[in-house]
Amino acid sequence: VKTMLLAQGARENGFQLTSEDLEERLQELINEAGGTEAYISWLTTYGYTDASFRQQLTLELEAEAMRRIIFDNVPTTQPHVEAHDFLFADEYSAQRILDQFENGVEYEVVVVNNDPNSDGYMGWFPRGYLFDLSIEEAAFSTEAPGYYGTVIANDIGYHVIFVLDTDPSREVSPNALLELKEQALLDWLEEKIAQSSIEILLP
């Protein structure tokens, strides 16, 4: 279903697979298989005819084109924040850190006393990169450094997010860009599946 939706999306976006491109990719696969005889044997093993495999290959190439379209629409520069996540097993300890910030204790002092190895330093990241949306929202809810918000509770503990810096247009790191592209693909598919009506025909 996902391949068909992507292929349909490619055609809707104006992509047209040429016969030359199809034949070129098919020849590459034949060569990888070890020649025409090996290719025919492979078709038989997996229940394809030459025609049905060409049809499947067409769908896959169209789907790949739609993936490229989705990936190309992910901006390579995006707003970022630089933040530190102070994580504790109990709410009291997290609130104690929050109280220190509210009383004017410097960030560096809080780190030395509570996270000397800086394990909670998150570095720079864009929206859509973190798994926990509540932490992401806390980090992006300010346009200025020095923000520390409130205690955030989730499955792994209690967090205090301290924003060190912000950048409205920062180059997305390769790892973050890969994550954002994969999320954009998942979001696109989820939207298309929600819009699609799938009928199951009983004999």
C-alpha atoms as a PDB file:
ATOM      1  CA  VAL A   1       0.000   0.000   0.000  1.00  0.00           C
ATOM      2  CA  LYS A   2       2.762   2.461   0.910  1.00  0.00           C
ATOM      3  CA  THR A   3       4.566   1.848  -2.389  1.00  0.00           C
ATOM      4  CA  MET A   4       1.368   2.432  -4.330  1.00  0.00           C
ATOM      5  CA  LEU A   5       0.602   5.637  -2.429  1.00  0.00           C
ATOM      6  CA  LEU A   6       4.117   6.954  -3.035  1.00  0.00           C
ATOM      7  CA  ALA A   7       3.960   6.029  -6.720  1.00  0.00           C
ATOM      8  CA  GLN A   8       0.609   7.777  -7.065  1.00  0.00           C
ATOM      9  CA  GLY A   9       2.005  10.815  -5.266  1.00  0.00           C
ATOM     10  CA  ALA A  10       4.929  10.973  -7.696  1.00  0.00           C
ATOM     11  CA  ARG A  11       2.577  10.977 -10.679  1.00  0.00           C
ATOM     12  CA  GLU A  12       0.433  13.648  -9.029  1.00  0.00           C
ATOM     13  CA  ASN A  13       3.592  15.743  -8.621  1.00  0.00           C
ATOM     14  CA  GLY A  14       4.353  15.485 -12.329  1.00  0.00           C
ATOM     15  CA  PHE A  15       6.902  12.672 -12.285  1.00  0.00           C
ATOM     16  CA  GLN A  16       6.857  10.463 -15.377  1.00  0.00           C
ATOM     17  CA  LEU A  17       9.027   7.380 -15.546  1.00  0.00           C
ATOM     18  CA  THR A  18      10.416   7.017 -19.053  1.00  0.00           C
ATOM     19  CA  SER A  19      10.772   3.657 -20.767  1.00  0.00           C
ATOM     20  CA  GLU A  20      14.487   4.377 -21.062  1.00  0.00           C
ATOM     21  CA  ASP A  21      14.839   4.794 -17.287  1.00  0.00           C
ATOM     22  CA  LEU A  22      12.881   1.602 -16.696  1.00  0.00           C
ATOM     23  CA  GLU A  23      14.989  -0.379 -19.128  1.00  0.00           C
ATOM     24  CA  GLU A  24      18.209   1.028 -17.681  1.00  0.00           C
ATOM     25  CA  ARG A  25      17.255   0.000 -14.149  1.00  0.00           C
ATOM     26  CA  LEU A  26      16.036  -3.398 -15.343  1.00  0.00           C
ATOM     27  CA  GLN A  27      19.330  -4.034 -17.104  1.00  0.00           C
ATOM     28  CA  GLU A  28      21.215  -3.108 -13.938  1.00  0.00           C
ATOM     29  CA  LEU A  29      19.193  -5.707 -12.028  1.00  0.00           C
ATOM     30  CA  ILE A  30      19.786  -8.333 -14.724  1.00  0.00           C
ATOM     31  CA  ASN A  31      23.515  -7.673 -14.511  1.00  0.00           C
ATOM     32  CA  GLU A  32      23.420  -7.879 -10.719  1.00  0.00           C
ATOM     33  CA  ALA A  33      21.563 -11.194 -10.952  1.00  0.00           C
ATOM     34  CA  GLY A  34      24.315 -12.632 -13.143  1.00  0.00           C
ATOM     35  CA  GLY A  35      22.787 -12.360 -16.599  1.00  0.00           C
ATOM     36  CA  THR A  36      19.530 -13.022 -18.418  1.00  0.00           C
ATOM     37  CA  GLU A  37      19.269 -16.701 -17.503  1.00  0.00           C
ATOM     38  CA  ALA A  38      19.842 -15.999 -13.836  1.00  0.00           C
ATOM     39  CA  TYR A  39      17.282 -13.176 -14.011  1.00  0.00           C
ATOM     40  CA  ILE A  40      14.653 -15.479 -15.545  1.00  0.00           C
ATOM     41  CA  SER A  41      15.384 -18.090 -12.888  1.00  0.00           C
ATOM     42  CA  TRP A  42      14.952 -15.434 -10.191  1.00  0.00           C
ATOM     43  CA  LEU A  43      11.596 -14.392 -11.687  1.00  0.00           C
ATOM     44  CA  THR A  44      10.383 -17.991 -11.592  1.00  0.00           C
ATOM     45  CA  THR A  45      11.565 -18.504  -8.027  1.00  0.00           C
ATOM     46  CA  TYR A  46       9.653 -15.481  -6.749  1.00  0.00           C
ATOM     47  CA  GLY A  47       6.532 -15.968  -8.865  1.00  0.00           C
ATOM     48  CA  TYR A  48       7.017 -13.105 -11.310  1.00  0.00           C
ATOM     49  CA  THR A  49       6.604 -12.917 -15.039  1.00  0.00           C
ATOM     50  CA  ASP A  50       8.686 -10.415 -16.963  1.00  0.00           C
ATOM     51  CA  ALA A  51       5.589  -8.230 -17.376  1.00  0.00           C
ATOM     52  CA  SER A  52       4.516  -8.367 -13.711  1.00  0.00           C
ATOM     53  CA  PHE A  53       8.039  -7.612 -12.532  1.00  0.00           C
ATOM     54  CA  ARG A  54       8.270  -4.624 -14.883  1.00  0.00           C
ATOM     55  CA  GLN A  55       5.030  -3.369 -13.379  1.00  0.00           C
ATOM     56  CA  GLN A  56       6.350  -3.803  -9.844  1.00  0.00           C
ATOM     57  CA  LEU A  57       9.648  -2.161 -10.737  1.00  0.00           C
ATOM     58  CA  THR A  58       7.775   0.781 -12.232  1.00  0.00           C
ATOM     59  CA  LEU A  59       5.892   1.286  -8.970  1.00  0.00           C
ATOM     60  CA  GLU A  60       9.089   1.081  -6.935  1.00  0.00           C
ATOM     61  CA  LEU A  61      10.904   3.600  -9.133  1.00  0.00           C
ATOM     62  CA  GLU A  62       7.952   5.975  -8.949  1.00  0.00           C
ATOM     63  CA  ALA A  63       7.827   5.528  -5.174  1.00  0.00           C
ATOM     64  CA  GLU A  64      11.535   6.301  -4.939  1.00  0.00           C
ATOM     65  CA  ALA A  65      10.947   9.480  -6.945  1.00  0.00           C
ATOM     66  CA  MET A  66       8.275  10.562  -4.434  1.00  0.00           C
ATOM     67  CA  ARG A  67      10.647   9.892  -1.560  1.00  0.00           C
ATOM     68  CA  ARG A  68      13.156  12.236  -3.206  1.00  0.00           C
ATOM     69  CA  ILE A  69      10.456  14.884  -3.612  1.00  0.00           C
ATOM     70  CA  ILE A  70       9.533  14.615   0.078  1.00  0.00           C
ATOM     71  CA  PHE A  71      13.175  14.662   1.179  1.00  0.00           C
ATOM     72  CA  ASP A  72      13.990  17.656  -1.023  1.00  0.00           C
ATOM     73  CA  ASN A  73      11.211  19.643   0.662  1.00  0.00           C
ATOM     74  CA  VAL A  74      12.836  19.303   4.102  1.00  0.00           C
ATOM     75  CA  PRO A  75      14.680  22.615   4.741  1.00  0.00           C
ATOM     76  CA  THR A  76      18.406  22.261   5.355  1.00  0.00           C
ATOM     77  CA  THR A  77      18.412  25.348   7.583  1.00  0.00           C
ATOM     78  CA  GLN A  78      15.898  25.604  10.421  1.00  0.00           C
ATOM     79  CA  PRO A  79      15.453  27.265  13.816  1.00  0.00           C
ATOM     80  CA  HIS A  80      17.590  25.559  16.461  1.00  0.00           C
ATOM     81  CA  VAL A  81      18.100  25.727  20.190  1.00  0.00           C
ATOM     82  CA  GLU A  82      21.100  24.735  22.269  1.00  0.00           C
ATOM     83  CA  ALA A  83      19.946  23.217  25.539  1.00  0.00           C
ATOM     84  CA  HIS A  84      20.856  21.197  28.599  1.00  0.00           C
ATOM     85  CA  ASP A  85      18.558  18.571  30.094  1.00  0.00           C
ATOM     86  CA  PHE A  86      18.926  18.196  33.858  1.00  0.00           C
ATOM     87  CA  LEU A  87      17.364  14.790  34.555  1.00  0.00           C
ATOM     88  CA  PHE A  88      16.465  13.431  37.987  1.00  0.00           C
ATOM     89  CA  ALA A  89      14.705  10.369  39.356  1.00  0.00           C
ATOM     90  CA  ASP A  90      12.524  12.407  41.733  1.00  0.00           C
ATOM     91  CA  GLU A  91      10.562  15.619  41.414  1.00  0.00           C
ATOM     92  CA  TYR A  92      12.098  17.162  44.530  1.00  0.00           C
ATOM     93  CA  SER A  93      15.612  17.152  43.030  1.00  0.00           C
ATOM     94  CA  ALA A  94      14.348  18.675  39.793  1.00  0.00           C
ATOM     95  CA  GLN A  95      12.458  21.376  41.659  1.00  0.00           C
ATOM     96  CA  ARG A  96      15.598  22.122  43.666  1.00  0.00           C
ATOM     97  CA  ILE A  97      17.473  22.856  40.411  1.00  0.00           C
ATOM     98  CA  LEU A  98      14.614  25.029  39.236  1.00  0.00           C
ATOM     99  CA  ASP A  99      14.759  26.969  42.504  1.00  0.00           C
ATOM    100  CA  GLN A 100      18.502  27.536  42.015  1.00  0.00           C
ATOM    101  CA  PHE A 101      17.943  29.051  38.586  1.00  0.00           C
ATOM    102  CA  GLU A 102      15.094  31.195  39.895  1.00  0.00           C
ATOM    103  CA  ASN A 103      17.416  32.439  42.656  1.00  0.00           C
ATOM    104  CA  GLY A 104      20.034  33.489  40.122  1.00  0.00           C
ATOM    105  CA  VAL A 105      22.565  30.655  40.422  1.00  0.00           C
ATOM    106  CA  GLU A 106      24.710  30.594  37.268  1.00  0.00           C
ATOM    107  CA  TYR A 107      24.240  27.780  34.779  1.00  0.00           C
ATOM    108  CA  GLU A 108      27.905  26.731  35.024  1.00  0.00           C
ATOM    109  CA  VAL A 109      27.607  26.378  38.808  1.00  0.00           C
ATOM    110  CA  VAL A 110      24.465  24.260  38.492  1.00  0.00           C
ATOM    111  CA  VAL A 111      26.236  21.994  35.996  1.00  0.00           C
ATOM    112  CA  VAL A 112      29.272  21.506  38.219  1.00  0.00           C
ATOM    113  CA  ASN A 113      27.111  20.662  41.226  1.00  0.00           C
ATOM    114  CA  ASN A 114      24.530  18.476  39.487  1.00  0.00           C
ATOM    115  CA  ASP A 115      25.873  17.224  36.155  1.00  0.00           C
ATOM    116  CA  PRO A 116      29.688  17.463  36.280  1.00  0.00           C
ATOM    117  CA  ASN A 117      30.140  15.199  33.238  1.00  0.00           C
ATOM    118  CA  SER A 118      27.632  17.251  31.229  1.00  0.00           C
ATOM    119  CA  ASP A 119      25.753  14.089  30.271  1.00  0.00           C
ATOM    120  CA  GLY A 120      22.601  16.172  29.908  1.00  0.00           C
ATOM    121  CA  TYR A 121      24.066  18.596  27.378  1.00  0.00           C
ATOM    122  CA  MET A 122      21.893  18.230  24.261  1.00  0.00           C
ATOM    123  CA  GLY A 123      23.790  20.475  21.886  1.00  0.00           C
ATOM    124  CA  TRP A 124      21.991  22.177  19.004  1.00  0.00           C
ATOM    125  CA  PHE A 125      18.841  20.608  17.565  1.00  0.00           C
ATOM    126  CA  PRO A 126      15.853  21.597  15.372  1.00  0.00           C
ATOM    127  CA  ARG A 127      12.176  20.894  15.846  1.00  0.00           C
ATOM    128  CA  GLY A 128      11.112  17.341  15.104  1.00  0.00           C
ATOM    129  CA  TYR A 129      14.407  15.817  16.231  1.00  0.00           C
ATOM    130  CA  LEU A 130      13.623  14.892  19.839  1.00  0.00           C
ATOM    131  CA  PHE A 131      11.498  11.897  20.779  1.00  0.00           C
ATOM    132  CA  ASP A 132       9.755  13.696  23.644  1.00  0.00           C
ATOM    133  CA  LEU A 133       7.543  16.517  22.380  1.00  0.00           C
ATOM    134  CA  SER A 134       7.144  18.043  25.844  1.00  0.00           C
ATOM    135  CA  ILE A 135      10.905  18.554  26.108  1.00  0.00           C
ATOM    136  CA  GLU A 136      11.016  19.933  22.577  1.00  0.00           C
ATOM    137  CA  GLU A 137       8.206  22.387  23.342  1.00  0.00           C
ATOM    138  CA  ALA A 138       9.962  23.506  26.508  1.00  0.00           C
ATOM    139  CA  ALA A 139      13.161  24.146  24.581  1.00  0.00           C
ATOM    140  CA  PHE A 140      11.455  26.044  21.743  1.00  0.00           C
ATOM    141  CA  SER A 141       9.082  28.061  23.907  1.00  0.00           C
ATOM    142  CA  THR A 142      11.595  30.895  24.205  1.00  0.00           C
ATOM    143  CA  GLU A 143      13.397  33.127  21.755  1.00  0.00           C
ATOM    144  CA  ALA A 144      16.177  34.042  24.173  1.00  0.00           C
ATOM    145  CA  PRO A 145      18.817  32.073  26.103  1.00  0.00           C
ATOM    146  CA  GLY A 146      18.600  31.612  29.847  1.00  0.00           C
ATOM    147  CA  TYR A 147      15.141  30.060  29.839  1.00  0.00           C
ATOM    148  CA  TYR A 148      14.540  27.161  32.219  1.00  0.00           C
ATOM    149  CA  GLY A 149      10.737  26.693  32.237  1.00  0.00           C
ATOM    150  CA  THR A 150       9.164  24.251  34.658  1.00  0.00           C
ATOM    151  CA  VAL A 151       9.736  20.667  35.765  1.00  0.00           C
ATOM    152  CA  ILE A 152       8.753  18.187  33.038  1.00  0.00           C
ATOM    153  CA  ALA A 153       7.802  14.640  34.004  1.00  0.00           C
ATOM    154  CA  ASN A 154       7.915  11.676  31.614  1.00  0.00           C
ATOM    155  CA  ASP A 155       8.571   7.935  31.685  1.00  0.00           C
ATOM    156  CA  ILE A 156      12.279   8.269  32.426  1.00  0.00           C
ATOM    157  CA  GLY A 157      12.216  10.914  35.145  1.00  0.00           C
ATOM    158  CA  TYR A 158      11.921  14.611  35.904  1.00  0.00           C
ATOM    159  CA  HIS A 159      13.547  17.184  33.646  1.00  0.00           C
ATOM    160  CA  VAL A 160      14.575  20.802  33.839  1.00  0.00           C
ATOM    161  CA  ILE A 161      15.479  22.166  30.385  1.00  0.00           C
ATOM    162  CA  PHE A 162      17.903  25.088  30.329  1.00  0.00           C
ATOM    163  CA  VAL A 163      18.177  26.902  26.995  1.00  0.00           C
ATOM    164  CA  LEU A 164      21.721  28.094  26.353  1.00  0.00           C
ATOM    165  CA  ASP A 165      21.243  29.739  22.979  1.00  0.00           C
ATOM    166  CA  THR A 166      18.879  30.042  20.013  1.00  0.00           C
ATOM    167  CA  ASP A 167      19.418  30.423  16.278  1.00  0.00           C
ATOM    168  CA  PRO A 168      16.539  31.214  13.888  1.00  0.00           C
ATOM    169  CA  SER A 169      18.367  29.799  10.861  1.00  0.00           C
ATOM    170  CA  ARG A 170      21.044  27.181  11.517  1.00  0.00           C
ATOM    171  CA  GLU A 171      22.343  24.478   9.200  1.00  0.00           C
ATOM    172  CA  VAL A 172      20.805  21.120  10.104  1.00  0.00           C
ATOM    173  CA  SER A 173      23.416  18.477  10.966  1.00  0.00           C
ATOM    174  CA  PRO A 174      23.571  15.393   8.691  1.00  0.00           C
ATOM    175  CA  ASN A 175      22.200  13.111  11.419  1.00  0.00           C
ATOM    176  CA  ALA A 176      19.357  15.470  12.284  1.00  0.00           C
ATOM    177  CA  LEU A 177      18.552  15.998   8.600  1.00  0.00           C
ATOM    178  CA  LEU A 178      18.288  12.252   8.081  1.00  0.00           C
ATOM    179  CA  GLU A 179      15.887  11.976  11.027  1.00  0.00           C
ATOM    180  CA  LEU A 180      13.797  14.897   9.750  1.00  0.00           C
ATOM    181  CA  LYS A 181      13.579  13.396   6.264  1.00  0.00           C
ATOM    182  CA  GLU A 182      12.423  10.043   7.642  1.00  0.00           C
ATOM    183  CA  GLN A 183       9.839  11.804   9.807  1.00  0.00           C
ATOM    184  CA  ALA A 184       8.628  13.833   6.818  1.00  0.00           C
ATOM    185  CA  LEU A 185       8.161  10.587   4.880  1.00  0.00           C
ATOM    186  CA  LEU A 186       6.237   8.985   7.759  1.00  0.00           C
ATOM    187  CA  ASP A 187       4.059  12.083   8.145  1.00  0.00           C
ATOM    188  CA  TRP A 188       3.288  12.133   4.402  1.00  0.00           C
ATOM    189  CA  LEU A 189       2.346   8.457   4.392  1.00  0.00           C
ATOM    190  CA  GLU A 190       0.237   8.813   7.520  1.00  0.00           C
ATOM    191  CA  GLU A 191      -1.694  11.682   5.956  1.00  0.00           C
ATOM    192  CA  LYS A 192      -2.238   9.796   2.682  1.00  0.00           C
ATOM    193  CA  ILE A 193      -3.343   6.613   4.452  1.00  0.00           C
ATOM    194  CA  ALA A 194      -5.811   8.631   6.521  1.00  0.00           C
ATOM    195  CA  GLN A 195      -7.230  10.135   3.329  1.00  0.00           C
ATOM    196  CA  SER A 196      -7.427   6.797   1.534  1.00  0.00           C
ATOM    197  CA  SER A 197     -10.399   4.477   1.572  1.00  0.00           C
ATOM    198  CA  ILE A 198      -9.301   0.830   1.506  1.00  0.00           C
ATOM    199  CA  GLU A 199     -11.978  -1.705   0.662  1.00  0.00           C
ATOM    200  CA  ILE A 200     -11.656  -5.417   1.477  1.00  0.00           C
ATOM    201  CA  LEU A 201     -13.638  -7.436  -1.053  1.00  0.00           C
ATOM    202  CA  LEU A 202     -14.810 -10.800   0.256  1.00  0.00           C
ATOM    203  CA  PRO A 203     -15.336 -13.688  -2.202  1.00  0.00           C
END
